[in-house]
N, C-alpha and C. Protein backbone atom coordinates (compact mmCIF):
# COMPACT_ATOMS: atom_id res chain seq x y z
N MET A 1 105.29 89.82 89.97
CA MET A 1 105.25 91.08 89.25
C MET A 1 104.37 90.91 88.03
N SER A 2 103.23 91.49 88.08
CA SER A 2 102.29 91.41 86.97
C SER A 2 102.34 92.70 86.16
N HIS A 3 102.19 92.56 84.87
CA HIS A 3 102.14 93.72 84.00
C HIS A 3 100.94 94.57 84.39
N MET A 4 101.11 95.89 84.40
CA MET A 4 100.07 96.79 84.89
C MET A 4 98.76 96.67 84.11
N LEU A 5 98.84 96.52 82.81
CA LEU A 5 97.62 96.44 82.00
C LEU A 5 97.26 95.02 81.57
N LEU A 6 98.29 94.21 81.30
CA LEU A 6 98.05 92.88 80.72
C LEU A 6 98.23 91.74 81.71
N GLY A 7 98.46 92.05 82.98
CA GLY A 7 98.75 91.03 83.99
C GLY A 7 97.80 89.85 83.98
N GLY A 8 98.34 88.67 83.68
CA GLY A 8 97.57 87.43 83.71
C GLY A 8 96.68 87.20 82.50
N LYS A 9 96.65 88.11 81.55
CA LYS A 9 95.76 87.98 80.40
C LYS A 9 96.44 87.34 79.19
N LEU A 10 97.76 87.27 79.21
CA LEU A 10 98.51 86.69 78.09
C LEU A 10 99.26 85.45 78.55
N PRO A 11 99.64 84.56 77.64
CA PRO A 11 100.40 83.37 78.02
C PRO A 11 101.73 83.76 78.67
N SER A 12 102.16 82.98 79.64
CA SER A 12 103.36 83.31 80.40
C SER A 12 104.64 83.30 79.55
N PHE A 13 104.67 82.52 78.47
CA PHE A 13 105.89 82.46 77.65
C PHE A 13 106.20 83.81 76.97
N LEU A 14 105.24 84.73 76.92
CA LEU A 14 105.50 86.04 76.35
C LEU A 14 106.31 86.93 77.29
N GLY A 15 106.35 86.58 78.58
CA GLY A 15 107.23 87.26 79.52
C GLY A 15 106.77 88.59 80.07
N PHE A 16 105.48 88.91 79.96
CA PHE A 16 105.01 90.17 80.52
C PHE A 16 104.92 90.11 82.04
N ASP A 17 104.56 88.96 82.59
CA ASP A 17 104.46 88.78 84.04
C ASP A 17 105.69 88.01 84.52
N ARG A 18 106.19 88.38 85.70
CA ARG A 18 107.35 87.71 86.29
C ARG A 18 106.98 87.27 87.70
N GLY A 19 107.52 86.12 88.09
CA GLY A 19 107.31 85.72 89.47
C GLY A 19 106.51 84.44 89.60
N PRO A 20 106.05 84.12 90.77
CA PRO A 20 105.94 84.99 91.94
C PRO A 20 107.31 85.30 92.57
N ILE A 21 107.39 86.46 93.17
CA ILE A 21 108.62 86.93 93.81
C ILE A 21 108.30 87.24 95.26
N ALA A 22 109.04 86.64 96.17
CA ALA A 22 108.84 86.90 97.59
C ALA A 22 109.41 88.27 97.93
N ILE A 23 108.65 89.07 98.65
CA ILE A 23 109.10 90.40 99.06
C ILE A 23 109.18 90.42 100.57
N LEU A 24 110.35 90.69 101.08
CA LEU A 24 110.56 90.71 102.52
C LEU A 24 109.99 91.98 103.13
N GLY A 25 109.62 91.90 104.38
CA GLY A 25 109.20 93.08 105.11
C GLY A 25 107.71 93.33 105.07
N ASN A 26 107.34 94.47 105.61
CA ASN A 26 105.94 94.91 105.62
C ASN A 26 105.93 96.43 105.50
N ARG A 27 104.81 97.06 105.71
CA ARG A 27 104.75 98.50 105.48
C ARG A 27 105.55 99.32 106.49
N ALA A 28 106.12 98.68 107.50
CA ALA A 28 106.91 99.39 108.50
C ALA A 28 108.40 99.11 108.40
N THR A 29 108.84 98.47 107.33
CA THR A 29 110.25 98.16 107.16
C THR A 29 110.80 98.83 105.91
N ILE A 30 112.13 98.86 105.78
CA ILE A 30 112.76 99.48 104.62
C ILE A 30 112.34 98.75 103.34
N HIS A 31 112.35 97.44 103.37
CA HIS A 31 111.88 96.66 102.21
C HIS A 31 110.37 96.54 102.32
N GLN A 32 109.68 97.65 102.15
CA GLN A 32 108.24 97.64 102.28
C GLN A 32 107.60 96.69 101.28
N GLY A 33 106.58 96.06 101.72
CA GLY A 33 105.79 95.22 100.84
C GLY A 33 104.39 95.11 101.39
N GLN A 34 103.42 95.22 100.54
CA GLN A 34 102.04 95.17 100.99
C GLN A 34 101.20 94.52 99.90
N ILE A 35 100.27 93.68 100.29
CA ILE A 35 99.32 93.08 99.37
C ILE A 35 97.92 93.43 99.89
N TYR A 36 97.09 93.97 99.01
CA TYR A 36 95.74 94.33 99.43
C TYR A 36 94.81 94.30 98.22
N ARG A 37 93.52 94.41 98.48
CA ARG A 37 92.51 94.42 97.42
C ARG A 37 92.09 95.85 97.12
N ALA A 38 92.10 96.22 95.86
CA ALA A 38 91.67 97.55 95.44
C ALA A 38 91.15 97.47 94.01
N GLY A 39 90.06 98.15 93.74
CA GLY A 39 89.51 98.16 92.40
C GLY A 39 89.20 96.77 91.87
N LYS A 40 88.70 95.89 92.73
CA LYS A 40 88.31 94.51 92.38
C LYS A 40 89.49 93.65 91.92
N ARG A 41 90.71 93.99 92.35
CA ARG A 41 91.85 93.14 92.01
C ARG A 41 92.87 93.19 93.14
N THR A 42 93.71 92.16 93.20
CA THR A 42 94.77 92.12 94.19
C THR A 42 95.88 93.06 93.74
N THR A 43 96.32 93.90 94.64
CA THR A 43 97.33 94.90 94.35
C THR A 43 98.49 94.76 95.32
N THR A 44 99.68 95.00 94.85
CA THR A 44 100.87 94.95 95.71
C THR A 44 101.73 96.17 95.44
N PHE A 45 102.60 96.48 96.38
CA PHE A 45 103.59 97.51 96.13
C PHE A 45 104.85 97.21 96.91
N CYS A 46 105.95 97.68 96.39
CA CYS A 46 107.24 97.60 97.07
C CYS A 46 108.20 98.52 96.32
N PRO A 47 109.32 98.88 96.92
CA PRO A 47 110.27 99.75 96.23
C PRO A 47 110.97 98.99 95.10
N SER A 48 110.84 99.48 93.88
CA SER A 48 111.48 98.80 92.75
C SER A 48 112.83 99.43 92.41
N PHE A 49 113.08 100.65 92.87
CA PHE A 49 114.36 101.31 92.65
C PHE A 49 115.04 101.47 93.99
N ARG A 50 116.25 101.00 94.08
CA ARG A 50 117.03 101.14 95.32
C ARG A 50 118.31 101.90 95.01
N MET A 51 118.67 102.83 95.89
CA MET A 51 119.89 103.60 95.71
C MET A 51 120.56 103.75 97.07
N VAL A 52 121.86 103.47 97.09
CA VAL A 52 122.65 103.58 98.31
C VAL A 52 123.86 104.44 97.99
N MET A 53 124.13 105.42 98.83
CA MET A 53 125.30 106.26 98.57
C MET A 53 125.95 106.70 99.86
N ASP A 54 127.25 106.90 99.76
CA ASP A 54 128.04 107.48 100.83
C ASP A 54 128.35 108.90 100.36
N LEU A 55 127.87 109.90 101.07
CA LEU A 55 128.01 111.27 100.61
C LEU A 55 129.45 111.78 100.62
N SER A 56 130.38 111.01 101.20
CA SER A 56 131.79 111.43 101.19
C SER A 56 132.50 110.96 99.92
N THR A 57 131.81 110.20 99.07
CA THR A 57 132.39 109.74 97.80
C THR A 57 131.50 110.18 96.65
N GLU A 58 131.98 109.96 95.42
CA GLU A 58 131.18 110.29 94.24
C GLU A 58 130.56 109.04 93.64
N GLU A 59 130.48 107.96 94.41
CA GLU A 59 129.88 106.71 93.94
C GLU A 59 128.41 106.63 94.34
N VAL A 60 127.67 105.98 93.51
CA VAL A 60 126.27 105.66 93.82
C VAL A 60 126.07 104.20 93.48
N ARG A 61 125.44 103.46 94.36
CA ARG A 61 125.09 102.07 94.09
C ARG A 61 123.58 102.00 93.93
N SER A 62 123.14 101.34 92.87
CA SER A 62 121.70 101.29 92.64
C SER A 62 121.32 100.00 91.94
N ASN A 63 120.05 99.69 92.02
CA ASN A 63 119.47 98.63 91.20
C ASN A 63 118.01 98.94 90.95
N LEU A 64 117.54 98.48 89.81
CA LEU A 64 116.18 98.75 89.36
C LEU A 64 115.59 97.44 88.87
N ALA A 65 114.53 97.00 89.50
CA ALA A 65 113.94 95.70 89.16
C ALA A 65 113.57 95.58 87.69
N GLY A 66 112.98 96.61 87.16
CA GLY A 66 112.51 96.54 85.78
C GLY A 66 113.58 96.71 84.73
N GLY A 67 114.71 97.26 85.09
CA GLY A 67 115.73 97.55 84.09
C GLY A 67 115.44 98.89 83.43
N PRO A 68 116.30 99.31 82.50
CA PRO A 68 116.17 100.64 81.92
C PRO A 68 115.13 100.76 80.79
N SER A 69 114.45 99.69 80.43
CA SER A 69 113.47 99.78 79.35
C SER A 69 112.11 99.23 79.78
N ASP A 70 111.06 99.88 79.31
CA ASP A 70 109.70 99.39 79.58
C ASP A 70 109.14 98.65 78.38
N ARG A 71 109.95 98.40 77.39
CA ARG A 71 109.50 97.73 76.16
C ARG A 71 109.82 96.25 76.24
N ARG A 72 108.80 95.43 76.33
CA ARG A 72 108.92 94.01 76.60
C ARG A 72 109.91 93.27 75.70
N PHE A 73 109.98 93.58 74.44
CA PHE A 73 110.79 92.77 73.55
C PHE A 73 112.19 93.35 73.33
N LEU A 74 112.63 94.29 74.16
CA LEU A 74 114.02 94.73 74.16
C LEU A 74 114.78 93.95 75.21
N GLU A 75 116.06 93.79 75.01
CA GLU A 75 116.87 92.97 75.93
C GLU A 75 116.96 93.56 77.34
N TRP A 76 116.69 94.85 77.50
CA TRP A 76 116.83 95.48 78.81
C TRP A 76 115.55 95.44 79.64
N TYR A 77 114.46 94.90 79.10
CA TYR A 77 113.21 94.79 79.85
C TYR A 77 113.41 93.78 80.98
N CYS A 78 113.21 94.18 82.20
CA CYS A 78 113.41 93.34 83.40
C CYS A 78 114.83 92.80 83.52
N SER A 79 115.79 93.47 82.89
CA SER A 79 117.17 92.98 82.94
C SER A 79 117.78 93.12 84.33
N GLY A 80 117.23 93.96 85.19
CA GLY A 80 117.77 94.13 86.52
C GLY A 80 117.05 93.32 87.59
N LEU A 81 116.08 92.50 87.20
CA LEU A 81 115.26 91.80 88.18
C LEU A 81 116.06 90.81 89.03
N GLU A 82 116.90 90.02 88.42
CA GLU A 82 117.68 89.03 89.19
C GLU A 82 118.59 89.71 90.21
N GLY A 83 119.27 90.78 89.80
CA GLY A 83 120.12 91.53 90.73
C GLY A 83 119.31 92.19 91.83
N TRP A 84 118.11 92.66 91.50
CA TRP A 84 117.24 93.28 92.49
C TRP A 84 116.82 92.27 93.54
N ILE A 85 116.48 91.05 93.11
CA ILE A 85 116.07 90.00 94.04
C ILE A 85 117.23 89.61 94.96
N LYS A 86 118.43 89.48 94.39
CA LYS A 86 119.62 89.08 95.17
C LYS A 86 120.19 90.22 96.02
N GLY A 87 119.82 91.46 95.72
CA GLY A 87 120.40 92.60 96.44
C GLY A 87 121.73 93.03 95.86
N ASP A 88 122.01 92.69 94.60
CA ASP A 88 123.23 93.12 93.93
C ASP A 88 123.03 94.53 93.39
N TYR A 89 124.03 95.37 93.58
CA TYR A 89 123.94 96.75 93.14
C TYR A 89 124.97 97.05 92.06
N LYS A 90 124.62 97.94 91.15
CA LYS A 90 125.55 98.44 90.15
C LYS A 90 126.19 99.70 90.72
N THR A 91 127.48 99.86 90.52
CA THR A 91 128.18 101.04 91.00
C THR A 91 128.33 102.03 89.85
N VAL A 92 127.95 103.25 90.11
CA VAL A 92 128.04 104.30 89.11
C VAL A 92 128.99 105.37 89.65
N ARG A 93 129.96 105.75 88.82
CA ARG A 93 130.91 106.80 89.17
C ARG A 93 130.93 107.83 88.03
N PRO A 94 131.21 109.09 88.33
CA PRO A 94 131.24 110.07 87.25
C PRO A 94 132.34 109.81 86.23
N ASP A 95 133.41 109.13 86.61
CA ASP A 95 134.52 108.86 85.69
C ASP A 95 134.41 107.46 85.05
N GLY A 96 133.35 106.72 85.38
CA GLY A 96 133.20 105.35 84.87
C GLY A 96 132.70 105.31 83.44
N PRO A 97 132.71 104.12 82.86
CA PRO A 97 132.23 103.98 81.47
C PRO A 97 130.74 104.28 81.40
N GLN A 98 130.34 104.90 80.34
CA GLN A 98 128.94 105.24 80.12
C GLN A 98 128.32 104.26 79.15
N ARG A 99 127.17 103.72 79.50
CA ARG A 99 126.47 102.79 78.63
C ARG A 99 125.20 103.45 78.15
N LYS A 100 124.96 103.40 76.87
CA LYS A 100 123.78 104.06 76.31
C LYS A 100 122.65 103.05 76.11
N PHE A 101 121.45 103.50 76.46
CA PHE A 101 120.26 102.68 76.25
C PHE A 101 119.32 103.45 75.33
N PRO A 102 118.51 102.73 74.58
CA PRO A 102 117.58 103.44 73.68
C PRO A 102 116.55 104.25 74.43
């Protein structure tokens, strides 16, 4: 996972780029993943937000690779990446505790 603008241009200890991360599947599977050349650079895509729900309940299970913040130096930047890689989902219910993010 390379930063969209700064990918590979800054030292790795700053944490803008993550990985390499293996992505299962291809463009014909649910876990789509594709690597190709575009605009003179290697480009990849895959679903970064996953949501699973049973419509007979009020629960939603989801995970987001990037986490709830796009600001690199906040604690929530890429906070969901490990769970996304493992396939761990957070359960959200309308009566559950609410967590606020900036």
